Amino acid sequence: MCVHAKECQQNGYALIVEDFGGMSLKEWTRQGESLPNLIEFFQIAIDLSNTSDILYRHRIIHKDIKPANICL
């Protein structure tokens, strides 16, 4: 992911990133109207945990983590 800019938004900041053609976790789970298999589920869970750890270590608070805001 390439960050293009950081902008002030109300009481915080927003990152402007490139559109890499992904889809949200919410869209992805609706695609086939079936749940991901166990391997996909755990890979997503591990990736989310790693990303959350990186954000935490950099003292970044997301404030709105939900499937619609997670890009795959």
PDB file of N, CA and C in Angstrom:
ATOM      1  N   MET A   1       0.850  -1.164   0.000  1.00  0.00           N
ATOM      2  CA  MET A   1       0.000   0.000   0.000  1.00  0.00           C
ATOM      3  C   MET A   1       0.897   1.229   0.000  1.00  0.00           C
ATOM      4  N   CYS A   2       0.583   2.160  -0.852  1.00  0.00           N
ATOM      5  CA  CYS A   2       1.349   3.388  -0.961  1.00  0.00           C
ATOM      6  C   CYS A   2       0.519   4.545  -0.396  1.00  0.00           C
ATOM      7  N   VAL A   3       1.066   5.220   0.616  1.00  0.00           N
ATOM      8  CA  VAL A   3       0.383   6.364   1.218  1.00  0.00           C
ATOM      9  C   VAL A   3       0.766   7.611   0.427  1.00  0.00           C
ATOM     10  N   HIS A   4      -0.257   8.343  -0.049  1.00  0.00           N
ATOM     11  CA  HIS A   4      -0.009   9.548  -0.847  1.00  0.00           C
ATOM     12  C   HIS A   4       0.008  10.817  -0.005  1.00  0.00           C
ATOM     13  N   ALA A   5      -0.783  10.843   1.062  1.00  0.00           N
ATOM     14  CA  ALA A   5      -0.850  12.070   1.869  1.00  0.00           C
ATOM     15  C   ALA A   5      -1.453  11.767   3.236  1.00  0.00           C
ATOM     16  N   LYS A   6      -1.243  12.710   4.149  1.00  0.00           N
ATOM     17  CA  LYS A   6      -1.876  12.669   5.464  1.00  0.00           C
ATOM     18  C   LYS A   6      -2.610  13.992   5.617  1.00  0.00           C
ATOM     19  N   GLU A   7      -3.902  13.925   5.911  1.00  0.00           N
ATOM     20  CA  GLU A   7      -4.703  15.140   6.027  1.00  0.00           C
ATOM     21  C   GLU A   7      -5.332  15.244   7.408  1.00  0.00           C
ATOM     22  N   CYS A   8      -5.473  16.473   7.894  1.00  0.00           N
ATOM     23  CA  CYS A   8      -6.162  16.715   9.160  1.00  0.00           C
ATOM     24  C   CYS A   8      -7.663  16.546   8.940  1.00  0.00           C
ATOM     25  N   GLN A   9      -8.297  15.787   9.812  1.00  0.00           N
ATOM     26  CA  GLN A   9      -9.734  15.554   9.745  1.00  0.00           C
ATOM     27  C   GLN A   9     -10.306  15.687  11.144  1.00  0.00           C
ATOM     28  N   GLN A  10     -11.080  16.700  11.405  1.00  0.00           N
ATOM     29  CA  GLN A  10     -11.702  16.943  12.711  1.00  0.00           C
ATOM     30  C   GLN A  10     -10.638  16.882  13.804  1.00  0.00           C
ATOM     31  N   ASN A  11     -10.676  15.878  14.670  1.00  0.00           N
ATOM     32  CA  ASN A  11      -9.716  15.781  15.774  1.00  0.00           C
ATOM     33  C   ASN A  11      -8.610  14.772  15.520  1.00  0.00           C
ATOM     34  N   GLY A  12      -8.347  14.446  14.258  1.00  0.00           N
ATOM     35  CA  GLY A  12      -7.334  13.446  13.962  1.00  0.00           C
ATOM     36  C   GLY A  12      -6.792  13.606  12.556  1.00  0.00           C
ATOM     37  N   TYR A  13      -6.292  12.516  12.020  1.00  0.00           N
ATOM     38  CA  TYR A  13      -5.701  12.515  10.686  1.00  0.00           C
ATOM     39  C   TYR A  13      -6.312  11.411   9.843  1.00  0.00           C
ATOM     40  N   ALA A  14      -6.246  11.590   8.537  1.00  0.00           N
ATOM     41  CA  ALA A  14      -6.677  10.562   7.586  1.00  0.00           C
ATOM     42  C   ALA A  14      -5.533  10.324   6.614  1.00  0.00           C
ATOM     43  N   LEU A  15      -5.292   9.064   6.282  1.00  0.00           N
ATOM     44  CA  LEU A  15      -4.281   8.732   5.288  1.00  0.00           C
ATOM     45  C   LEU A  15      -4.948   8.583   3.931  1.00  0.00           C
ATOM     46  N   ILE A  16      -4.354   9.190   2.922  1.00  0.00           N
ATOM     47  CA  ILE A  16      -4.827   9.057   1.548  1.00  0.00           C
ATOM     48  C   ILE A  16      -3.933   8.012   0.899  1.00  0.00           C
ATOM     49  N   VAL A  17      -4.527   6.883   0.521  1.00  0.00           N
ATOM     50  CA  VAL A  17      -3.757   5.762  -0.024  1.00  0.00           C
ATOM     51  C   VAL A  17      -4.201   5.451  -1.443  1.00  0.00           C
ATOM     52  N   GLU A  18      -3.339   4.738  -2.165  1.00  0.00           N
ATOM     53  CA  GLU A  18      -3.661   4.353  -3.531  1.00  0.00           C
ATOM     54  C   GLU A  18      -4.798   3.332  -3.545  1.00  0.00           C
ATOM     55  N   ASP A  19      -5.557   3.330  -4.619  1.00  0.00           N
ATOM     56  CA  ASP A  19      -6.595   2.322  -4.817  1.00  0.00           C
ATOM     57  C   ASP A  19      -5.927   1.117  -5.464  1.00  0.00           C
ATOM     58  N   PHE A  20      -5.824   0.021  -4.721  1.00  0.00           N
ATOM     59  CA  PHE A  20      -5.134  -1.160  -5.240  1.00  0.00           C
ATOM     60  C   PHE A  20      -6.102  -2.187  -5.819  1.00  0.00           C
ATOM     61  N   GLY A  21      -7.371  -1.808  -5.947  1.00  0.00           N
ATOM     62  CA  GLY A  21      -8.349  -2.684  -6.583  1.00  0.00           C
ATOM     63  C   GLY A  21      -8.881  -3.782  -5.680  1.00  0.00           C
ATOM     64  N   GLY A  22      -8.702  -3.640  -4.383  1.00  0.00           N
ATOM     65  CA  GLY A  22      -9.192  -4.653  -3.453  1.00  0.00           C
ATOM     66  C   GLY A  22     -10.680  -4.500  -3.173  1.00  0.00           C
ATOM     67  N   MET A  23     -11.150  -5.332  -2.281  1.00  0.00           N
ATOM     68  CA  MET A  23     -12.538  -5.231  -1.847  1.00  0.00           C
ATOM     69  C   MET A  23     -12.581  -5.338  -0.332  1.00  0.00           C
ATOM     70  N   SER A  24     -13.668  -4.871   0.234  1.00  0.00           N
ATOM     71  CA  SER A  24     -13.771  -4.919   1.693  1.00  0.00           C
ATOM     72  C   SER A  24     -14.050  -6.349   2.151  1.00  0.00           C
ATOM     73  N   LEU A  25     -13.733  -6.611   3.395  1.00  0.00           N
ATOM     74  CA  LEU A  25     -14.030  -7.921   3.976  1.00  0.00           C
ATOM     75  C   LEU A  25     -15.532  -8.182   3.925  1.00  0.00           C
ATOM     76  N   LYS A  26     -16.322  -7.139   4.126  1.00  0.00           N
ATOM     77  CA  LYS A  26     -17.775  -7.278   4.058  1.00  0.00           C
ATOM     78  C   LYS A  26     -18.216  -7.719   2.661  1.00  0.00           C
ATOM     79  N   GLU A  27     -17.683  -7.085   1.617  1.00  0.00           N
ATOM     80  CA  GLU A  27     -18.018  -7.465   0.239  1.00  0.00           C
ATOM     81  C   GLU A  27     -17.544  -8.882  -0.067  1.00  0.00           C
ATOM     82  N   TRP A  28     -16.341  -9.197   0.394  1.00  0.00           N
ATOM     83  CA  TRP A  28     -15.746 -10.504   0.113  1.00  0.00           C
ATOM     84  C   TRP A  28     -16.582 -11.636   0.699  1.00  0.00           C
ATOM     85  N   THR A  29     -17.089 -11.448   1.916  1.00  0.00           N
ATOM     86  CA  THR A  29     -17.882 -12.510   2.536  1.00  0.00           C
ATOM     87  C   THR A  29     -19.257 -12.630   1.895  1.00  0.00           C
ATOM     88  N   ARG A  30     -19.734 -11.588   1.239  1.00  0.00           N
ATOM     89  CA  ARG A  30     -21.035 -11.646   0.552  1.00  0.00           C
ATOM     90  C   ARG A  30     -20.933 -12.210  -0.856  1.00  0.00           C
ATOM     91  N   GLN A  31     -19.735 -12.244  -1.414  1.00  0.00           N
ATOM     92  CA  GLN A  31     -19.544 -12.654  -2.800  1.00  0.00           C
ATOM     93  C   GLN A  31     -20.237 -13.958  -3.136  1.00  0.00           C
ATOM     94  N   GLY A  32     -19.904 -14.994  -2.431  1.00  0.00           N
ATOM     95  CA  GLY A  32     -20.486 -16.291  -2.720  1.00  0.00           C
ATOM     96  C   GLY A  32     -21.553 -16.685  -1.722  1.00  0.00           C
ATOM     97  N   GLU A  33     -21.911 -15.755  -0.844  1.00  0.00           N
ATOM     98  CA  GLU A  33     -22.882 -16.032   0.212  1.00  0.00           C
ATOM     99  C   GLU A  33     -22.472 -17.240   1.059  1.00  0.00           C
ATOM    100  N   SER A  34     -21.164 -17.535   1.067  1.00  0.00           N
ATOM    101  CA  SER A  34     -20.666 -18.613   1.920  1.00  0.00           C
ATOM    102  C   SER A  34     -19.500 -18.086   2.742  1.00  0.00           C
ATOM    103  N   LEU A  35     -19.264 -18.689   3.859  1.00  0.00           N
ATOM    104  CA  LEU A  35     -18.169 -18.276   4.727  1.00  0.00           C
ATOM    105  C   LEU A  35     -16.841 -18.751   4.157  1.00  0.00           C
ATOM    106  N   PRO A  36     -15.762 -18.043   4.464  1.00  0.00           N
ATOM    107  CA  PRO A  36     -14.449 -18.489   3.988  1.00  0.00           C
ATOM    108  C   PRO A  36     -14.082 -19.818   4.644  1.00  0.00           C
ATOM    109  N   ASN A  37     -13.235 -20.595   3.958  1.00  0.00           N
ATOM    110  CA  ASN A  37     -12.802 -21.843   4.578  1.00  0.00           C
ATOM    111  C   ASN A  37     -11.864 -21.519   5.743  1.00  0.00           C
ATOM    112  N   LEU A  38     -11.530 -22.511   6.503  1.00  0.00           N
ATOM    113  CA  LEU A  38     -10.757 -22.317   7.727  1.00  0.00           C
ATOM    114  C   LEU A  38      -9.379 -21.716   7.464  1.00  0.00           C
ATOM    115  N   ILE A  39      -8.725 -22.136   6.391  1.00  0.00           N
ATOM    116  CA  ILE A  39      -7.395 -21.608   6.063  1.00  0.00           C
ATOM    117  C   ILE A  39      -7.489 -20.119   5.742  1.00  0.00           C
ATOM    118  N   GLU A  40      -8.472 -19.729   4.923  1.00  0.00           N
ATOM    119  CA  GLU A  40      -8.656 -18.313   4.592  1.00  0.00           C
ATOM    120  C   GLU A  40      -8.986 -17.501   5.840  1.00  0.00           C
ATOM    121  N   PHE A  41      -9.858 -18.039   6.677  1.00  0.00           N
ATOM    122  CA  PHE A  41     -10.252 -17.359   7.907  1.00  0.00           C
ATOM    123  C   PHE A  41      -9.041 -17.071   8.788  1.00  0.00           C
ATOM    124  N   PHE A  42      -8.218 -18.096   9.024  1.00  0.00           N
ATOM    125  CA  PHE A  42      -7.058 -17.917   9.896  1.00  0.00           C
ATOM    126  C   PHE A  42      -6.015 -16.996   9.272  1.00  0.00           C
ATOM    127  N   GLN A  43      -5.846 -17.033   7.957  1.00  0.00           N
ATOM    128  CA  GLN A  43      -4.885 -16.137   7.312  1.00  0.00           C
ATOM    129  C   GLN A  43      -5.328 -14.684   7.470  1.00  0.00           C
ATOM    130  N   ILE A  44      -6.615 -14.429   7.283  1.00  0.00           N
ATOM    131  CA  ILE A  44      -7.141 -13.074   7.472  1.00  0.00           C
ATOM    132  C   ILE A  44      -6.984 -12.655   8.934  1.00  0.00           C
ATOM    133  N   ALA A  45      -7.292 -13.550   9.859  1.00  0.00           N
ATOM    134  CA  ALA A  45      -7.171 -13.244  11.292  1.00  0.00           C
ATOM    135  C   ALA A  45      -5.720 -12.917  11.660  1.00  0.00           C
ATOM    136  N   ILE A  46      -4.772 -13.677  11.139  1.00  0.00           N
ATOM    137  CA  ILE A  46      -3.353 -13.429  11.408  1.00  0.00           C
ATOM    138  C   ILE A  46      -2.935 -12.088  10.820  1.00  0.00           C
ATOM    139  N   ASP A  47      -3.336 -11.804   9.585  1.00  0.00           N
ATOM    140  CA  ASP A  47      -2.986 -10.538   8.946  1.00  0.00           C
ATOM    141  C   ASP A  47      -3.566  -9.347   9.711  1.00  0.00           C
ATOM    142  N   LEU A  48      -4.811  -9.475  10.152  1.00  0.00           N
ATOM    143  CA  LEU A  48      -5.432  -8.397  10.931  1.00  0.00           C
ATOM    144  C   LEU A  48      -4.721  -8.194  12.261  1.00  0.00           C
ATOM    145  N   SER A  49      -4.335  -9.284  12.900  1.00  0.00           N
ATOM    146  CA  SER A  49      -3.605  -9.187  14.168  1.00  0.00           C
ATOM    147  C   SER A  49      -2.253  -8.504  13.973  1.00  0.00           C
ATOM    148  N   ASN A  50      -1.540  -8.885  12.930  1.00  0.00           N
ATOM    149  CA  ASN A  50      -0.240  -8.266  12.646  1.00  0.00           C
ATOM    150  C   ASN A  50      -0.390  -6.775  12.348  1.00  0.00           C
ATOM    151  N   THR A  51      -1.389  -6.423  11.558  1.00  0.00           N
ATOM    152  CA  THR A  51      -1.620  -5.015  11.234  1.00  0.00           C
ATOM    153  C   THR A  51      -2.014  -4.230  12.475  1.00  0.00           C
ATOM    154  N   SER A  52      -2.868  -4.799  13.308  1.00  0.00           N
ATOM    155  CA  SER A  52      -3.267  -4.136  14.557  1.00  0.00           C
ATOM    156  C   SER A  52      -2.061  -3.901  15.456  1.00  0.00           C
ATOM    157  N   ASP A  53      -1.153  -4.873  15.504  1.00  0.00           N
ATOM    158  CA  ASP A  53       0.062  -4.732  16.301  1.00  0.00           C
ATOM    159  C   ASP A  53       0.924  -3.583  15.788  1.00  0.00           C
ATOM    160  N   ILE A  54       1.079  -3.483  14.480  1.00  0.00           N
ATOM    161  CA  ILE A  54       1.874  -2.397  13.887  1.00  0.00           C
ATOM    162  C   ILE A  54       1.253  -1.043  14.224  1.00  0.00           C
ATOM    163  N   LEU A  55      -0.060  -0.943  14.066  1.00  0.00           N
ATOM    164  CA  LEU A  55      -0.741   0.315  14.391  1.00  0.00           C
ATOM    165  C   LEU A  55      -0.549   0.669  15.858  1.00  0.00           C
ATOM    166  N   TYR A  56      -0.710  -0.309  16.734  1.00  0.00           N
ATOM    167  CA  TYR A  56      -0.553  -0.086  18.170  1.00  0.00           C
ATOM    168  C   TYR A  56       0.861   0.407  18.501  1.00  0.00           C
ATOM    169  N   ARG A  57       1.855  -0.227  17.910  1.00  0.00           N
ATOM    170  CA  ARG A  57       3.250   0.146  18.186  1.00  0.00           C
ATOM    171  C   ARG A  57       3.563   1.570  17.716  1.00  0.00           C
ATOM    172  N   HIS A  58       2.820   2.038  16.703  1.00  0.00           N
ATOM    173  CA  HIS A  58       3.015   3.404  16.207  1.00  0.00           C
ATOM    174  C   HIS A  58       2.016   4.385  16.821  1.00  0.00           C
ATOM    175  N   ARG A  59       1.303   3.906  17.845  1.00  0.00           N
ATOM    176  CA  ARG A  59       0.338   4.731  18.580  1.00  0.00           C
ATOM    177  C   ARG A  59      -0.735   5.317  17.660  1.00  0.00           C
ATOM    178  N   ILE A  60      -1.189   4.489  16.705  1.00  0.00           N
ATOM    179  CA  ILE A  60      -2.244   4.886  15.773  1.00  0.00           C
ATOM    180  C   ILE A  60      -3.539   4.218  16.212  1.00  0.00           C
ATOM    181  N   ILE A  61      -4.589   5.014  16.330  1.00  0.00           N
ATOM    182  CA  ILE A  61      -5.900   4.493  16.710  1.00  0.00           C
ATOM    183  C   ILE A  61      -6.816   4.599  15.499  1.00  0.00           C
ATOM    184  N   HIS A  62      -7.424   3.496  15.097  1.00  0.00           N
ATOM    185  CA  HIS A  62      -8.292   3.498  13.912  1.00  0.00           C
ATOM    186  C   HIS A  62      -9.669   4.066  14.215  1.00  0.00           C
ATOM    187  N   LYS A  63     -10.281   3.718  15.291  1.00  0.00           N
ATOM    188  CA  LYS A  63     -11.584   4.178  15.771  1.00  0.00           C
ATOM    189  C   LYS A  63     -12.795   3.639  15.024  1.00  0.00           C
ATOM    190  N   ASP A  64     -12.611   2.897  13.931  1.00  0.00           N
ATOM    191  CA  ASP A  64     -13.786   2.385  13.216  1.00  0.00           C
ATOM    192  C   ASP A  64     -13.446   1.083  12.496  1.00  0.00           C
ATOM    193  N   ILE A  65     -12.928   0.114  13.242  1.00  0.00           N
ATOM    194  CA  ILE A  65     -12.584  -1.171  12.635  1.00  0.00           C
ATOM    195  C   ILE A  65     -13.848  -2.002  12.504  1.00  0.00           C
ATOM    196  N   LYS A  66     -14.177  -2.338  11.265  1.00  0.00           N
ATOM    197  CA  LYS A  66     -15.338  -3.170  10.952  1.00  0.00           C
ATOM    198  C   LYS A  66     -15.099  -3.792   9.579  1.00  0.00           C
ATOM    199  N   PRO A  67     -15.814  -4.844   9.217  1.00  0.00           N
ATOM    200  CA  PRO A  67     -15.578  -5.522   7.940  1.00  0.00           C
ATOM    201  C   PRO A  67     -15.627  -4.596   6.714  1.00  0.00           C
ATOM    202  N   ALA A  68     -16.469  -3.585   6.738  1.00  0.00           N
ATOM    203  CA  ALA A  68     -16.558  -2.669   5.596  1.00  0.00           C
ATOM    204  C   ALA A  68     -15.301  -1.806   5.451  1.00  0.00           C
ATOM    205  N   ASN A  69     -14.500  -1.683   6.517  1.00  0.00           N
ATOM    206  CA  ASN A  69     -13.291  -0.853   6.484  1.00  0.00           C
ATOM    207  C   ASN A  69     -12.006  -1.664   6.414  1.00  0.00           C
ATOM    208  N   ILE A  70     -12.107  -2.954   6.189  1.00  0.00           N
ATOM    209  CA  ILE A  70     -10.935  -3.823   6.066  1.00  0.00           C
ATOM    210  C   ILE A  70     -10.835  -4.252   4.614  1.00  0.00           C
ATOM    211  N   CYS A  71      -9.740  -3.861   3.962  1.00  0.00           N
ATOM    212  CA  CYS A  71      -9.568  -4.171   2.541  1.00  0.00           C
ATOM    213  C   CYS A  71      -8.703  -5.404   2.350  1.00  0.00           C
ATOM    214  N   LEU A  72      -9.110  -6.249   1.428  1.00  0.00           N
ATOM    215  CA  LEU A  72      -8.373  -7.469   1.103  1.00  0.00           C
ATOM    216  C   LEU A  72      -7.764  -7.339  -0.274  1.00  0.00           C
TER     217      LEU A  72
END
